[in-house]
Amino acid sequence: ELIRLITDTLEDKKALDVMTIDLKDKGAIVDYMIIASATSGRQIVALADAIGQALKQKGLPIVVEGLAQADWVLVDAGDIW
């Protein structure tokens, strides 16, 4: 399951406050949202890179936004299950 892959990757890279929010029955356009905190912009970039690499190894196209500022980053993995 890719949700487990993402959360494990975040935890391996020492992300803080990792949580998965189930939105599939809430009428949202997404089924799940995974949120994590980091201690610095450098760690934010490292977390996004690690998730991107893990998802690319599974053959998933990803879209990453916010890397330039590194205040926040959104990694959109499209349809994951």
Protein backbone atom coordinates (compact mmCIF):
# COMPACT_ATOMS: atom_id res chain seq x y z
CA GLU A 1 0.00 0.00 0.00
CA LEU A 2 1.40 3.36 -1.05
CA ILE A 3 0.04 5.20 1.95
CA ARG A 4 2.24 2.99 4.14
CA LEU A 5 5.21 3.61 1.81
CA ILE A 6 4.79 7.37 2.15
CA THR A 7 4.33 7.36 5.93
CA ASP A 8 7.25 4.97 6.42
CA THR A 9 9.44 7.18 4.23
CA LEU A 10 8.49 10.25 6.25
CA GLU A 11 9.17 8.50 9.53
CA ASP A 12 12.52 7.12 8.27
CA LYS A 13 13.57 10.66 7.41
CA LYS A 14 12.55 11.92 10.87
CA ALA A 15 9.48 13.92 9.86
CA LEU A 16 7.46 15.23 12.79
CA ASP A 17 3.75 14.81 13.49
CA VAL A 18 3.04 12.46 10.57
CA MET A 19 -0.70 11.98 10.17
CA THR A 20 -2.98 10.46 7.58
CA ILE A 21 -6.41 12.00 7.15
CA ASP A 22 -9.13 9.87 5.56
CA LEU A 23 -11.29 12.16 3.41
CA LYS A 24 -12.92 9.63 1.09
CA ASP A 25 -16.37 9.88 2.73
CA LYS A 26 -16.22 13.65 3.20
CA GLY A 27 -17.05 14.63 -0.37
CA ALA A 28 -13.54 15.93 -0.95
CA ILE A 29 -11.71 15.61 -4.25
CA VAL A 30 -9.07 13.55 -2.47
CA ASP A 31 -9.38 10.28 -0.58
CA TYR A 32 -6.38 10.71 1.72
CA MET A 33 -4.10 13.50 2.79
CA ILE A 34 -0.81 12.83 4.53
CA ILE A 35 0.63 15.73 6.49
CA ALA A 36 3.97 16.04 8.26
CA SER A 37 6.11 18.74 9.82
CA ALA A 38 9.84 19.35 9.59
CA THR A 39 12.40 21.30 11.56
CA SER A 40 13.82 23.31 8.66
CA GLY A 41 13.45 24.15 5.00
CA ARG A 42 16.33 21.82 4.28
CA GLN A 43 14.47 18.93 5.92
CA ILE A 44 11.30 19.81 3.99
CA VAL A 45 13.20 19.48 0.72
CA ALA A 46 14.80 16.20 1.87
CA LEU A 47 11.40 14.76 2.82
CA ALA A 48 9.86 15.74 -0.52
CA ASP A 49 12.83 14.28 -2.40
CA ALA A 50 12.62 11.00 -0.47
CA ILE A 51 8.88 10.66 -1.12
CA GLY A 52 9.38 11.55 -4.78
CA GLN A 53 12.06 8.90 -5.21
CA ALA A 54 9.99 6.23 -3.46
CA LEU A 55 6.96 6.97 -5.63
CA LYS A 56 8.98 7.14 -8.84
CA GLN A 57 10.40 3.69 -8.06
CA LYS A 58 6.78 2.48 -8.08
CA GLY A 59 6.30 4.07 -11.50
CA LEU A 60 4.02 6.86 -10.33
CA PRO A 61 4.19 10.29 -11.91
CA ILE A 62 4.34 13.00 -9.27
CA VAL A 63 3.90 16.75 -9.16
CA VAL A 64 5.83 18.72 -6.55
CA GLU A 65 4.98 22.31 -5.63
CA GLY A 66 6.61 24.71 -3.21
CA LEU A 67 10.21 23.41 -3.33
CA ALA A 68 11.64 26.79 -4.29
CA GLN A 69 10.51 28.44 -1.06
CA ALA A 70 10.73 25.29 1.11
CA ASP A 71 8.25 26.80 3.59
CA TRP A 72 5.84 24.06 2.55
CA VAL A 73 5.81 21.41 -0.13
CA LEU A 74 2.96 19.58 -1.79
CA VAL A 75 3.70 16.21 -3.36
CA ASP A 76 0.76 15.16 -5.51
CA ALA A 77 0.96 11.47 -6.29
CA GLY A 78 -2.28 11.41 -8.25
CA ASP A 79 -4.30 8.29 -7.58
CA ILE A 80 -2.66 6.21 -4.87
CA TRP A 81 -4.17 3.36 -2.93
